[in-house]
Amino acid sequence: MSNYIKVFAGSFVQVQHIFQSLKAENISAIIKDEAESGRIAGFGGAIHDFQEVHVHKDEIKKATKIVEGLISEMEA
C-alpha cells in the first residue's frame, strides 16, 4: 500500500460519502478498515466504525482538493 496515501479518516458514513464522491470524479480510492481486518484475522482492539480513505499518490492533488471541500461541507 506504499503507493497509496491516506486522505481522510472518520466514521463509516463519512468515509462512504468521501469514497463515492471520489469515485464520481474517476478517482480510484480504497477504504482501509482496521477493525474489520482484525476481526477477520481473529484479533480485536481496533476502533469500530472508524475507517480510512486512501488514494494513489498520482491522484493525491485532485483527491485532496475534493476531500477538503467535502470536509468543509460536513462541518457547516
PDB file of N, CA and C in Angstrom:
ATOM      1  N   MET A   1       0.826  -1.184   0.000  1.00  0.00           N
ATOM      2  CA  MET A   1       0.000   0.000   0.000  1.00  0.00           C
ATOM      3  C   MET A   1       0.875   1.254   0.000  1.00  0.00           C
ATOM      4  N   SER A   2       2.134   1.122  -0.255  1.00  0.00           N
ATOM      5  CA  SER A   2       3.047   2.257  -0.215  1.00  0.00           C
ATOM      6  C   SER A   2       2.763   3.297  -1.291  1.00  0.00           C
ATOM      7  N   ASN A   3       2.071   2.927  -2.347  1.00  0.00           N
ATOM      8  CA  ASN A   3       1.717   3.887  -3.378  1.00  0.00           C
ATOM      9  C   ASN A   3       0.423   4.620  -3.064  1.00  0.00           C
ATOM     10  N   TYR A   4      -0.193   4.283  -1.949  1.00  0.00           N
ATOM     11  CA  TYR A   4      -1.451   4.901  -1.556  1.00  0.00           C
ATOM     12  C   TYR A   4      -1.239   5.781  -0.330  1.00  0.00           C
ATOM     13  N   ILE A   5      -1.955   6.901  -0.315  1.00  0.00           N
ATOM     14  CA  ILE A   5      -1.803   7.893   0.753  1.00  0.00           C
ATOM     15  C   ILE A   5      -3.165   8.153   1.370  1.00  0.00           C
ATOM     16  N   LYS A   6      -3.196   8.223   2.698  1.00  0.00           N
ATOM     17  CA  LYS A   6      -4.445   8.493   3.404  1.00  0.00           C
ATOM     18  C   LYS A   6      -4.871   9.942   3.164  1.00  0.00           C
ATOM     19  N   VAL A   7      -6.131  10.123   2.758  1.00  0.00           N
ATOM     20  CA  VAL A   7      -6.659  11.468   2.545  1.00  0.00           C
ATOM     21  C   VAL A   7      -7.774  11.808   3.524  1.00  0.00           C
ATOM     22  N   PHE A   8      -8.315  10.780   4.216  1.00  0.00           N
ATOM     23  CA  PHE A   8      -9.395  11.023   5.161  1.00  0.00           C
ATOM     24  C   PHE A   8      -9.517   9.843   6.106  1.00  0.00           C
ATOM     25  N   ALA A   9      -9.930  10.144   7.334  1.00  0.00           N
ATOM     26  CA  ALA A   9     -10.249   9.103   8.307  1.00  0.00           C
ATOM     27  C   ALA A   9     -11.476   9.565   9.080  1.00  0.00           C
ATOM     28  N   GLY A  10     -12.414   8.651   9.277  1.00  0.00           N
ATOM     29  CA  GLY A  10     -13.617   9.012  10.005  1.00  0.00           C
ATOM     30  C   GLY A  10     -14.566   7.839  10.112  1.00  0.00           C
ATOM     31  N   SER A  11     -15.838   8.165  10.366  1.00  0.00           N
ATOM     32  CA  SER A  11     -16.856   7.142  10.557  1.00  0.00           C
ATOM     33  C   SER A  11     -17.214   6.478   9.234  1.00  0.00           C
ATOM     34  N   PHE A  12     -17.899   5.372   9.324  1.00  0.00           N
ATOM     35  CA  PHE A  12     -18.333   4.629   8.146  1.00  0.00           C
ATOM     36  C   PHE A  12     -19.122   5.525   7.192  1.00  0.00           C
ATOM     37  N   VAL A  13     -20.066   6.297   7.730  1.00  0.00           N
ATOM     38  CA  VAL A  13     -20.918   7.154   6.901  1.00  0.00           C
ATOM     39  C   VAL A  13     -20.092   8.224   6.201  1.00  0.00           C
ATOM     40  N   GLN A  14     -19.196   8.878   6.924  1.00  0.00           N
ATOM     41  CA  GLN A  14     -18.344   9.901   6.333  1.00  0.00           C
ATOM     42  C   GLN A  14     -17.455   9.310   5.243  1.00  0.00           C
ATOM     43  N   VAL A  15     -16.861   8.180   5.533  1.00  0.00           N
ATOM     44  CA  VAL A  15     -15.953   7.525   4.590  1.00  0.00           C
ATOM     45  C   VAL A  15     -16.700   7.125   3.318  1.00  0.00           C
ATOM     46  N   GLN A  16     -17.907   6.608   3.464  1.00  0.00           N
ATOM     47  CA  GLN A  16     -18.685   6.233   2.286  1.00  0.00           C
ATOM     48  C   GLN A  16     -18.995   7.453   1.422  1.00  0.00           C
ATOM     49  N   HIS A  17     -19.320   8.563   2.060  1.00  0.00           N
ATOM     50  CA  HIS A  17     -19.605   9.806   1.331  1.00  0.00           C
ATOM     51  C   HIS A  17     -18.366  10.268   0.555  1.00  0.00           C
ATOM     52  N   ILE A  18     -17.225  10.283   1.220  1.00  0.00           N
ATOM     53  CA  ILE A  18     -15.965  10.682   0.577  1.00  0.00           C
ATOM     54  C   ILE A  18     -15.638   9.716  -0.563  1.00  0.00           C
ATOM     55  N   PHE A  19     -15.730   8.430  -0.282  1.00  0.00           N
ATOM     56  CA  PHE A  19     -15.393   7.399  -1.268  1.00  0.00           C
ATOM     57  C   PHE A  19     -16.245   7.551  -2.526  1.00  0.00           C
ATOM     58  N   GLN A  20     -17.556   7.703  -2.357  1.00  0.00           N
ATOM     59  CA  GLN A  20     -18.461   7.825  -3.501  1.00  0.00           C
ATOM     60  C   GLN A  20     -18.204   9.121  -4.274  1.00  0.00           C
ATOM     61  N   SER A  21     -17.877  10.189  -3.579  1.00  0.00           N
ATOM     62  CA  SER A  21     -17.580  11.464  -4.230  1.00  0.00           C
ATOM     63  C   SER A  21     -16.301  11.361  -5.066  1.00  0.00           C
ATOM     64  N   LEU A  22     -15.304  10.680  -4.542  1.00  0.00           N
ATOM     65  CA  LEU A  22     -14.068  10.472  -5.298  1.00  0.00           C
ATOM     66  C   LEU A  22     -14.327   9.581  -6.515  1.00  0.00           C
ATOM     67  N   LYS A  23     -15.109   8.550  -6.300  1.00  0.00           N
ATOM     68  CA  LYS A  23     -15.441   7.634  -7.398  1.00  0.00           C
ATOM     69  C   LYS A  23     -16.157   8.387  -8.524  1.00  0.00           C
ATOM     70  N   ALA A  24     -17.047   9.313  -8.167  1.00  0.00           N
ATOM     71  CA  ALA A  24     -17.782  10.105  -9.152  1.00  0.00           C
ATOM     72  C   ALA A  24     -16.843  10.972  -9.992  1.00  0.00           C
ATOM     73  N   GLU A  25     -15.668  11.284  -9.445  1.00  0.00           N
ATOM     74  CA  GLU A  25     -14.661  12.083 -10.153  1.00  0.00           C
ATOM     75  C   GLU A  25     -13.587  11.202 -10.799  1.00  0.00           C
ATOM     76  N   ASN A  26     -13.891   9.911 -10.900  1.00  0.00           N
ATOM     77  CA  ASN A  26     -12.983   8.926 -11.513  1.00  0.00           C
ATOM     78  C   ASN A  26     -11.651   8.810 -10.782  1.00  0.00           C
ATOM     79  N   ILE A  27     -11.693   8.967  -9.477  1.00  0.00           N
ATOM     80  CA  ILE A  27     -10.500   8.760  -8.651  1.00  0.00           C
ATOM     81  C   ILE A  27     -10.634   7.397  -7.978  1.00  0.00           C
ATOM     82  N   SER A  28      -9.645   6.564  -8.153  1.00  0.00           N
ATOM     83  CA  SER A  28      -9.661   5.230  -7.559  1.00  0.00           C
ATOM     84  C   SER A  28      -9.212   5.316  -6.108  1.00  0.00           C
ATOM     85  N   ALA A  29     -10.154   5.144  -5.224  1.00  0.00           N
ATOM     86  CA  ALA A  29      -9.870   5.187  -3.787  1.00  0.00           C
ATOM     87  C   ALA A  29     -10.069   3.801  -3.196  1.00  0.00           C
ATOM     88  N   ILE A  30      -9.417   3.567  -2.073  1.00  0.00           N
ATOM     89  CA  ILE A  30      -9.640   2.328  -1.330  1.00  0.00           C
ATOM     90  C   ILE A  30      -9.989   2.695   0.100  1.00  0.00           C
ATOM     91  N   ILE A  31     -10.747   1.818   0.729  1.00  0.00           N
ATOM     92  CA  ILE A  31     -11.134   2.010   2.126  1.00  0.00           C
ATOM     93  C   ILE A  31     -10.359   1.012   2.971  1.00  0.00           C
ATOM     94  N   LYS A  32      -9.736   1.515   4.003  1.00  0.00           N
ATOM     95  CA  LYS A  32      -8.988   0.676   4.942  1.00  0.00           C
ATOM     96  C   LYS A  32      -9.780   0.634   6.244  1.00  0.00           C
ATOM     97  N   ASP A  33     -10.088  -0.558   6.693  1.00  0.00           N
ATOM     98  CA  ASP A  33     -10.884  -0.757   7.904  1.00  0.00           C
ATOM     99  C   ASP A  33     -10.121  -1.693   8.830  1.00  0.00           C
ATOM    100  N   GLU A  34      -9.384  -1.104   9.770  1.00  0.00           N
ATOM    101  CA  GLU A  34      -8.554  -1.897  10.688  1.00  0.00           C
ATOM    102  C   GLU A  34      -9.380  -2.848  11.543  1.00  0.00           C
ATOM    103  N   ALA A  35     -10.569  -2.403  11.975  1.00  0.00           N
ATOM    104  CA  ALA A  35     -11.406  -3.248  12.830  1.00  0.00           C
ATOM    105  C   ALA A  35     -11.838  -4.499  12.077  1.00  0.00           C
ATOM    106  N   GLU A  36     -12.268  -4.320  10.831  1.00  0.00           N
ATOM    107  CA  GLU A  36     -12.715  -5.464  10.033  1.00  0.00           C
ATOM    108  C   GLU A  36     -11.538  -6.373   9.713  1.00  0.00           C
ATOM    109  N   SER A  37     -10.399  -5.819   9.376  1.00  0.00           N
ATOM    110  CA  SER A  37      -9.218  -6.636   9.106  1.00  0.00           C
ATOM    111  C   SER A  37      -8.824  -7.445  10.332  1.00  0.00           C
ATOM    112  N   GLY A  38      -8.881  -6.812  11.501  1.00  0.00           N
ATOM    113  CA  GLY A  38      -8.554  -7.505  12.738  1.00  0.00           C
ATOM    114  C   GLY A  38      -9.545  -8.598  13.074  1.00  0.00           C
ATOM    115  N   ARG A  39     -10.823  -8.303  12.842  1.00  0.00           N
ATOM    116  CA  ARG A  39     -11.868  -9.289  13.108  1.00  0.00           C
ATOM    117  C   ARG A  39     -11.672 -10.521  12.234  1.00  0.00           C
ATOM    118  N   ILE A  40     -11.405 -10.300  10.961  1.00  0.00           N
ATOM    119  CA  ILE A  40     -11.212 -11.414  10.031  1.00  0.00           C
ATOM    120  C   ILE A  40      -9.993 -12.244  10.430  1.00  0.00           C
ATOM    121  N   ALA A  41      -8.955 -11.584  10.904  1.00  0.00           N
ATOM    122  CA  ALA A  41      -7.732 -12.284  11.295  1.00  0.00           C
ATOM    123  C   ALA A  41      -7.821 -12.895  12.692  1.00  0.00           C
ATOM    124  N   GLY A  42      -8.903 -12.582  13.423  1.00  0.00           N
ATOM    125  CA  GLY A  42      -9.071 -13.143  14.760  1.00  0.00           C
ATOM    126  C   GLY A  42      -8.523 -12.269  15.864  1.00  0.00           C
ATOM    127  N   PHE A  43      -8.214 -11.027  15.567  1.00  0.00           N
ATOM    128  CA  PHE A  43      -7.708 -10.088  16.557  1.00  0.00           C
ATOM    129  C   PHE A  43      -8.788  -9.073  16.881  1.00  0.00           C
ATOM    130  N   GLY A  44      -8.600  -8.339  17.935  1.00  0.00           N
ATOM    131  CA  GLY A  44      -9.544  -7.280  18.288  1.00  0.00           C
ATOM    132  C   GLY A  44      -8.790  -6.042  18.691  1.00  0.00           C
ATOM    133  N   GLY A  45      -9.524  -5.073  19.197  1.00  0.00           N
ATOM    134  CA  GLY A  45      -8.878  -3.897  19.747  1.00  0.00           C
ATOM    135  C   GLY A  45      -8.914  -2.659  18.886  1.00  0.00           C
ATOM    136  N   ALA A  46      -9.249  -2.779  17.626  1.00  0.00           N
ATOM    137  CA  ALA A  46      -9.310  -1.596  16.766  1.00  0.00           C
ATOM    138  C   ALA A  46     -10.590  -0.816  17.045  1.00  0.00           C
ATOM    139  N   ILE A  47     -10.578   0.440  16.735  1.00  0.00           N
ATOM    140  CA  ILE A  47     -11.740   1.296  16.941  1.00  0.00           C
ATOM    141  C   ILE A  47     -12.802   0.936  15.913  1.00  0.00           C
ATOM    142  N   HIS A  48     -13.987   0.582  16.391  1.00  0.00           N
ATOM    143  CA  HIS A  48     -15.071   0.237  15.483  1.00  0.00           C
ATOM    144  C   HIS A  48     -15.662   1.497  14.882  1.00  0.00           C
ATOM    145  N   ASP A  49     -16.203   1.367  13.685  1.00  0.00           N
ATOM    146  CA  ASP A  49     -16.811   2.457  12.938  1.00  0.00           C
ATOM    147  C   ASP A  49     -15.802   3.555  12.630  1.00  0.00           C
ATOM    148  N   PHE A  50     -14.558   3.174  12.428  1.00  0.00           N
ATOM    149  CA  PHE A  50     -13.515   4.124  12.054  1.00  0.00           C
ATOM    150  C   PHE A  50     -12.770   3.548  10.865  1.00  0.00           C
ATOM    151  N   GLN A  51     -12.783   4.269   9.776  1.00  0.00           N
ATOM    152  CA  GLN A  51     -12.155   3.802   8.558  1.00  0.00           C
ATOM    153  C   GLN A  51     -11.303   4.907   7.955  1.00  0.00           C
ATOM    154  N   GLU A  52     -10.500   4.531   6.969  1.00  0.00           N
ATOM    155  CA  GLU A  52      -9.645   5.485   6.274  1.00  0.00           C
ATOM    156  C   GLU A  52      -9.870   5.368   4.774  1.00  0.00           C
ATOM    157  N   VAL A  53      -9.748   6.510   4.086  1.00  0.00           N
ATOM    158  CA  VAL A  53      -9.789   6.530   2.624  1.00  0.00           C
ATOM    159  C   VAL A  53      -8.376   6.822   2.140  1.00  0.00           C
ATOM    160  N   HIS A  54      -7.901   5.989   1.230  1.00  0.00           N
ATOM    161  CA  HIS A  54      -6.569   6.155   0.642  1.00  0.00           C
ATOM    162  C   HIS A  54      -6.721   6.300  -0.867  1.00  0.00           C
ATOM    163  N   VAL A  55      -5.863   7.122  -1.464  1.00  0.00           N
ATOM    164  CA  VAL A  55      -5.833   7.259  -2.927  1.00  0.00           C
ATOM    165  C   VAL A  55      -4.399   7.061  -3.407  1.00  0.00           C
ATOM    166  N   HIS A  56      -4.296   6.710  -4.664  1.00  0.00           N
ATOM    167  CA  HIS A  56      -2.965   6.525  -5.252  1.00  0.00           C
ATOM    168  C   HIS A  56      -2.234   7.859  -5.274  1.00  0.00           C
ATOM    169  N   LYS A  57      -0.946   7.813  -5.060  1.00  0.00           N
ATOM    170  CA  LYS A  57      -0.154   9.042  -4.977  1.00  0.00           C
ATOM    171  C   LYS A  57      -0.253   9.896  -6.235  1.00  0.00           C
ATOM    172  N   ASP A  58      -0.535   9.285  -7.377  1.00  0.00           N
ATOM    173  CA  ASP A  58      -0.673  10.047  -8.620  1.00  0.00           C
ATOM    174  C   ASP A  58      -1.944  10.898  -8.654  1.00  0.00           C
ATOM    175  N   GLU A  59      -2.906  10.582  -7.785  1.00  0.00           N
ATOM    176  CA  GLU A  59      -4.179  11.307  -7.756  1.00  0.00           C
ATOM    177  C   GLU A  59      -4.346  12.157  -6.497  1.00  0.00           C
ATOM    178  N   ILE A  60      -3.292  12.298  -5.722  1.00  0.00           N
ATOM    179  CA  ILE A  60      -3.400  12.934  -4.410  1.00  0.00           C
ATOM    180  C   ILE A  60      -3.839  14.393  -4.495  1.00  0.00           C
ATOM    181  N   LYS A  61      -3.329  15.164  -5.436  1.00  0.00           N
ATOM    182  CA  LYS A  61      -3.684  16.583  -5.506  1.00  0.00           C
ATOM    183  C   LYS A  61      -5.168  16.778  -5.790  1.00  0.00           C
ATOM    184  N   LYS A  62      -5.670  16.080  -6.778  1.00  0.00           N
ATOM    185  CA  LYS A  62      -7.087  16.190  -7.132  1.00  0.00           C
ATOM    186  C   LYS A  62      -7.965  15.683  -5.993  1.00  0.00           C
ATOM    187  N   ALA A  63      -7.589  14.560  -5.405  1.00  0.00           N
ATOM    188  CA  ALA A  63      -8.376  13.976  -4.319  1.00  0.00           C
ATOM    189  C   ALA A  63      -8.390  14.877  -3.090  1.00  0.00           C
ATOM    190  N   THR A  64      -7.250  15.454  -2.754  1.00  0.00           N
ATOM    191  CA  THR A  64      -7.163  16.320  -1.578  1.00  0.00           C
ATOM    192  C   THR A  64      -8.087  17.523  -1.724  1.00  0.00           C
ATOM    193  N   LYS A  65      -8.126  18.099  -2.899  1.00  0.00           N
ATOM    194  CA  LYS A  65      -8.997  19.253  -3.139  1.00  0.00           C
ATOM    195  C   LYS A  65     -10.470  18.871  -2.928  1.00  0.00           C
ATOM    196  N   ILE A  66     -10.859  17.726  -3.447  1.00  0.00           N
ATOM    197  CA  ILE A  66     -12.233  17.257  -3.302  1.00  0.00           C
ATOM    198  C   ILE A  66     -12.555  16.969  -1.842  1.00  0.00           C
ATOM    199  N   VAL A  67     -11.659  16.279  -1.169  1.00  0.00           N
ATOM    200  CA  VAL A  67     -11.888  15.900   0.235  1.00  0.00           C
ATOM    201  C   VAL A  67     -11.975  17.160   1.109  1.00  0.00           C
ATOM    202  N   GLU A  68     -11.120  18.120   0.894  1.00  0.00           N
ATOM    203  CA  GLU A  68     -11.167  19.355   1.685  1.00  0.00           C
ATOM    204  C   GLU A  68     -12.503  20.066   1.510  1.00  0.00           C
ATOM    205  N   GLY A  69     -13.030  20.096   0.292  1.00  0.00           N
ATOM    206  CA  GLY A  69     -14.335  20.690   0.048  1.00  0.00           C
ATOM    207  C   GLY A  69     -15.449  19.931   0.760  1.00  0.00           C
ATOM    208  N   LEU A  70     -15.381  18.614   0.741  1.00  0.00           N
ATOM    209  CA  LEU A  70     -16.392  17.803   1.400  1.00  0.00           C
ATOM    210  C   LEU A  70     -16.329  17.949   2.923  1.00  0.00           C
ATOM    211  N   ILE A  71     -15.139  18.047   3.467  1.00  0.00           N
ATOM    212  CA  ILE A  71     -14.991  18.229   4.908  1.00  0.00           C
ATOM    213  C   ILE A  71     -15.600  19.563   5.317  1.00  0.00           C
ATOM    214  N   SER A  72     -15.365  20.606   4.528  1.00  0.00           N
ATOM    215  CA  SER A  72     -15.949  21.912   4.820  1.00  0.00           C
ATOM    216  C   SER A  72     -17.473  21.834   4.826  1.00  0.00           C
ATOM    217  N   GLU A  73     -18.046  21.100   3.869  1.00  0.00           N
ATOM    218  CA  GLU A  73     -19.492  20.921   3.830  1.00  0.00           C
ATOM    219  C   GLU A  73     -19.994  20.181   5.062  1.00  0.00           C
ATOM    220  N   MET A  74     -19.273  19.141   5.494  1.00  0.00           N
ATOM    221  CA  MET A  74     -19.695  18.354   6.655  1.00  0.00           C
ATOM    222  C   MET A  74     -19.648  19.168   7.941  1.00  0.00           C
ATOM    223  N   GLU A  75     -18.692  20.071   8.014  1.00  0.00           N
ATOM    224  CA  GLU A  75     -18.533  20.868   9.233  1.00  0.00           C
ATOM    225  C   GLU A  75     -19.493  22.055   9.281  1.00  0.00           C
ATOM    226  N   ALA A  76     -20.086  22.394   8.157  1.00  0.00           N
ATOM    227  CA  ALA A  76     -21.000  23.552   8.096  1.00  0.00           C
ATOM    228  C   ALA A  76     -22.329  23.246   8.714  1.00  0.00           C
TER     229      ALA A  76
END
